[in-house]
C-alpha atoms as a PDB file:
ATOM      1  CA  UNK A   1      20.542 -19.136  17.309  1.00  0.00           C
ATOM      2  CA  UNK A   2      18.870 -17.537  20.322  1.00  0.00           C
ATOM      3  CA  UNK A   3      15.682 -15.549  19.710  1.00  0.00           C
ATOM      4  CA  UNK A   4      16.324 -11.849  19.170  1.00  0.00           C
ATOM      5  CA  UNK A   5      13.181 -10.669  20.973  1.00  0.00           C
ATOM      6  CA  UNK A   6      13.851  -9.276  24.419  1.00  0.00           C
ATOM      7  CA  UNK A   7      12.738 -11.623  27.183  1.00  0.00           C
ATOM      8  CA  UNK A   8      12.250 -14.667  24.954  1.00  0.00           C
ATOM      9  CA  UNK A   9      14.329 -17.708  25.838  1.00  0.00           C
ATOM     10  CA  UNK A  10      13.595 -19.581  22.608  1.00  0.00           C
ATOM     11  CA  UNK A  11      15.907 -20.698  19.841  1.00  0.00           C
ATOM     12  CA  UNK A  12      15.380 -20.320  16.112  1.00  0.00           C
ATOM     13  CA  UNK A  13      14.982 -23.462  14.040  1.00  0.00           C
ATOM     14  CA  UNK A  14      14.657 -23.981  10.302  1.00  0.00           C
ATOM     15  CA  UNK A  15      11.073 -24.396   9.111  1.00  0.00           C
ATOM     16  CA  UNK A  16       8.868 -23.420   6.235  1.00  0.00           C
ATOM     17  CA  UNK A  17       6.140 -20.826   6.718  1.00  0.00           C
ATOM     18  CA  UNK A  18       3.215 -19.292   4.896  1.00  0.00           C
ATOM     19  CA  UNK A  19       4.235 -15.733   4.004  1.00  0.00           C
ATOM     20  CA  UNK A  20       1.696 -13.063   3.074  1.00  0.00           C
ATOM     21  CA  UNK A  21       2.472  -9.919   1.105  1.00  0.00           C
ATOM     22  CA  UNK A  22       0.206  -7.019   0.217  1.00  0.00           C
ATOM     23  CA  UNK A  23       1.032  -5.730  -3.260  1.00  0.00           C
ATOM     24  CA  UNK A  24      -0.953  -3.228  -5.291  1.00  0.00           C
ATOM     25  CA  UNK A  25      -3.854  -3.593  -2.886  1.00  0.00           C
ATOM     26  CA  UNK A  26      -3.939  -7.392  -3.203  1.00  0.00           C
ATOM     27  CA  UNK A  27      -2.912  -9.963  -0.607  1.00  0.00           C
ATOM     28  CA  UNK A  28      -0.613 -12.634  -1.990  1.00  0.00           C
ATOM     29  CA  UNK A  29      -0.025 -15.846  -0.043  1.00  0.00           C
ATOM     30  CA  UNK A  30       3.215 -17.768  -0.609  1.00  0.00           C
ATOM     31  CA  UNK A  31       3.461 -21.221   0.939  1.00  0.00           C
ATOM     32  CA  UNK A  32       6.576 -23.213   1.898  1.00  0.00           C
ATOM     33  CA  UNK A  33       8.867 -20.212   2.427  1.00  0.00           C
ATOM     34  CA  UNK A  34      12.110 -21.200   4.213  1.00  0.00           C
ATOM     35  CA  UNK A  35      12.525 -19.312   7.477  1.00  0.00           C
ATOM     36  CA  UNK A  36      13.977 -19.414  10.957  1.00  0.00           C
ATOM     37  CA  UNK A  37      11.158 -19.638  13.538  1.00  0.00           C
ATOM     38  CA  UNK A  38      11.484 -19.218  17.316  1.00  0.00           C
ATOM     39  CA  UNK A  39      10.417 -22.347  19.179  1.00  0.00           C
ATOM     40  CA  UNK A  40       8.870 -20.296  21.999  1.00  0.00           C
ATOM     41  CA  UNK A  41       7.339 -17.066  20.649  1.00  0.00           C
ATOM     42  CA  UNK A  42       7.045 -17.911  16.940  1.00  0.00           C
ATOM     43  CA  UNK A  43       9.092 -14.926  15.726  1.00  0.00           C
ATOM     44  CA  UNK A  44      10.007 -15.422  12.065  1.00  0.00           C
ATOM     45  CA  UNK A  45      13.262 -14.444  10.369  1.00  0.00           C
ATOM     46  CA  UNK A  46      13.663 -14.539   6.600  1.00  0.00           C
ATOM     47  CA  UNK A  47      17.156 -14.689   5.133  1.00  0.00           C
ATOM     48  CA  UNK A  48      18.078 -11.788   2.832  1.00  0.00           C
ATOM     49  CA  UNK A  49      18.324 -14.207  -0.108  1.00  0.00           C
ATOM     50  CA  UNK A  50      14.785 -15.453   0.603  1.00  0.00           C
ATOM     51  CA  UNK A  51      13.477 -11.877   0.614  1.00  0.00           C
ATOM     52  CA  UNK A  52      15.256 -11.205  -2.694  1.00  0.00           C
ATOM     53  CA  UNK A  53      13.703 -14.328  -4.219  1.00  0.00           C
ATOM     54  CA  UNK A  54      10.229 -13.332  -3.031  1.00  0.00           C
ATOM     55  CA  UNK A  55      10.689  -9.851  -4.497  1.00  0.00           C
ATOM     56  CA  UNK A  56      11.876 -11.332  -7.809  1.00  0.00           C
ATOM     57  CA  UNK A  57       8.944 -13.749  -7.832  1.00  0.00           C
ATOM     58  CA  UNK A  58       6.497 -10.898  -7.286  1.00  0.00           C
ATOM     59  CA  UNK A  59       8.078  -8.850 -10.072  1.00  0.00           C
ATOM     60  CA  UNK A  60       8.047 -11.747 -12.556  1.00  0.00           C
ATOM     61  CA  UNK A  61       4.594 -13.120 -11.758  1.00  0.00           C
ATOM     62  CA  UNK A  62       1.693 -11.736 -13.779  1.00  0.00           C
ATOM     63  CA  UNK A  63      -1.378 -10.578 -11.881  1.00  0.00           C
ATOM     64  CA  UNK A  64      -3.827 -13.399 -11.110  1.00  0.00           C
ATOM     65  CA  UNK A  65      -6.675 -13.913 -13.552  1.00  0.00           C
ATOM     66  CA  UNK A  66      -9.086 -14.560 -10.733  1.00  0.00           C
ATOM     67  CA  UNK A  67      -9.296 -13.365  -7.164  1.00  0.00           C
ATOM     68  CA  UNK A  68     -11.535 -13.868  -4.175  1.00  0.00           C
ATOM     69  CA  UNK A  69     -12.425 -11.277  -1.606  1.00  0.00           C
ATOM     70  CA  UNK A  70     -13.434 -12.666   1.771  1.00  0.00           C
ATOM     71  CA  UNK A  71     -14.541 -10.498   4.643  1.00  0.00           C
ATOM     72  CA  UNK A  72     -12.908 -11.460   7.927  1.00  0.00           C
ATOM     73  CA  UNK A  73     -16.166 -11.387   9.881  1.00  0.00           C
ATOM     74  CA  UNK A  74     -17.847 -13.727   7.370  1.00  0.00           C
ATOM     75  CA  UNK A  75     -14.871 -16.078   7.419  1.00  0.00           C
ATOM     76  CA  UNK A  76     -14.802 -16.063  11.233  1.00  0.00           C
ATOM     77  CA  UNK A  77     -18.540 -16.787  11.425  1.00  0.00           C
ATOM     78  CA  UNK A  78     -18.106 -19.756   9.073  1.00  0.00           C
ATOM     79  CA  UNK A  79     -15.171 -20.983  11.159  1.00  0.00           C
ATOM     80  CA  UNK A  80     -17.181 -20.757  14.402  1.00  0.00           C
ATOM     81  CA  UNK A  81     -20.116 -22.592  12.803  1.00  0.00           C
ATOM     82  CA  UNK A  82     -17.829 -25.387  11.587  1.00  0.00           C
ATOM     83  CA  UNK A  83     -16.302 -25.703  15.052  1.00  0.00           C
ATOM     84  CA  UNK A  84     -19.761 -25.871  16.644  1.00  0.00           C
ATOM     85  CA  UNK A  85     -20.824 -28.629  14.210  1.00  0.00           C
ATOM     86  CA  UNK A  86     -17.770 -30.641  15.204  1.00  0.00           C
ATOM     87  CA  UNK A  87     -18.365 -30.065  18.903  1.00  0.00           C
ATOM     88  CA  UNK A  88     -15.349 -27.751  19.434  1.00  0.00           C
ATOM     89  CA  UNK A  89     -17.379 -24.771  20.619  1.00  0.00           C
END
């Protein structure tokens, strides 16, 4: 199927994606979510059934017993340092 974004010439193809959801102030990351992804711009479409399954999963899943809060700027600094150590800077 052709990409639905105006001006994009890409086509959607079936892939799996990492989907993030913010729920009750917490960010939840769900890996291996089936989706249609544009080969040019990366636009992601989730099927209605997939959205329903994610919603059901979120309703049925108890809150995590442990969480981690990471500040973006700290994470980015660590990323840049790791890149510099590997010579990617």
